Amino acid sequence: MTDVKEWAVEFSSTTYRVFYVDASTQDEAQAIATEQLNDDGEIPTAWRENAELNHIKLMESNDENIY
């Protein structure tokens, strides 16, 4: 019979969520998107608490949604 040993097994998952907002400045856009993130009841609390800003892009009139 083989010896049973203790193992540490770690899983990681990365998902992204993009909010398209209308704002005058980048700071305002981030504030609005953060508010929308916090108000979205479909986002699990743990995901919301671990969310980090990844990217902000000023959309041009001919840009399609980037994601």
Protein backbone atom coordinates (compact mmCIF):
# COMPACT_ATOMS: atom_id res chain seq x y z
CA MET A 1 0.00 0.00 0.00
CA THR A 2 1.32 3.48 -0.83
CA ASP A 3 1.69 6.16 1.80
CA VAL A 4 -0.89 8.93 1.75
CA LYS A 5 0.70 12.38 1.69
CA GLU A 6 -0.69 15.86 2.14
CA TRP A 7 -0.85 18.01 -0.98
CA ALA A 8 -1.56 21.71 -1.44
CA VAL A 9 -3.53 22.26 -4.64
CA GLU A 10 -4.19 25.85 -5.67
CA PHE A 11 -6.64 26.96 -8.37
CA SER A 12 -6.76 30.37 -9.96
CA SER A 13 -9.35 31.95 -12.21
CA THR A 14 -9.18 35.24 -14.03
CA THR A 15 -12.19 36.86 -15.59
CA TYR A 16 -12.70 40.35 -16.91
CA ARG A 17 -15.66 42.70 -16.97
CA VAL A 18 -15.80 45.92 -19.02
CA PHE A 19 -18.09 48.85 -18.29
CA TYR A 20 -18.69 51.38 -21.06
CA VAL A 21 -19.46 54.76 -19.47
CA ASP A 22 -19.87 58.37 -20.58
CA ALA A 23 -17.63 60.77 -18.65
CA SER A 24 -15.63 63.98 -19.11
CA THR A 25 -12.36 62.67 -17.65
CA GLN A 26 -10.59 59.39 -17.05
CA ASP A 27 -10.98 59.82 -13.29
CA GLU A 28 -14.71 60.38 -13.68
CA ALA A 29 -14.98 57.35 -15.96
CA GLN A 30 -13.24 55.19 -13.36
CA ALA A 31 -15.51 56.52 -10.59
CA ILE A 32 -18.67 55.84 -12.61
CA ALA A 33 -17.51 52.37 -13.60
CA THR A 34 -16.57 51.58 -9.99
CA GLU A 35 -20.04 52.65 -8.87
CA GLN A 36 -21.63 50.46 -11.54
CA LEU A 37 -19.40 47.56 -10.49
CA ASN A 38 -20.46 47.94 -6.87
CA ASP A 39 -24.15 48.24 -7.79
CA ASP A 40 -24.22 45.18 -10.06
CA GLY A 41 -26.02 42.49 -8.09
CA GLU A 42 -24.94 39.76 -10.53
CA ILE A 43 -21.27 40.14 -9.57
CA PRO A 44 -20.29 37.93 -6.61
CA THR A 45 -18.98 39.81 -3.57
CA ALA A 46 -15.66 37.94 -3.58
CA TRP A 47 -15.07 38.86 -7.23
CA ARG A 48 -15.94 42.50 -6.58
CA GLU A 49 -13.64 42.68 -3.55
CA ASN A 50 -10.72 41.25 -5.56
CA ALA A 51 -11.33 43.34 -8.68
CA GLU A 52 -8.45 45.51 -9.82
CA LEU A 53 -8.40 48.16 -12.52
CA ASN A 54 -6.81 46.63 -15.59
CA HIS A 55 -7.24 49.17 -18.39
CA ILE A 56 -9.05 52.40 -19.29
CA LYS A 57 -9.35 53.37 -22.94
CA LEU A 58 -10.87 56.50 -24.42
CA MET A 59 -13.23 55.27 -27.10
CA GLU A 60 -13.09 57.03 -30.45
CA SER A 61 -16.26 57.56 -32.45
CA ASN A 62 -15.30 54.84 -34.92
CA ASP A 63 -14.20 52.31 -32.26
CA GLU A 64 -16.24 49.23 -31.70
CA ASN A 65 -16.44 47.77 -28.21
CA ILE A 66 -12.92 46.60 -27.44
CA TYR A 67 -13.98 43.47 -25.61
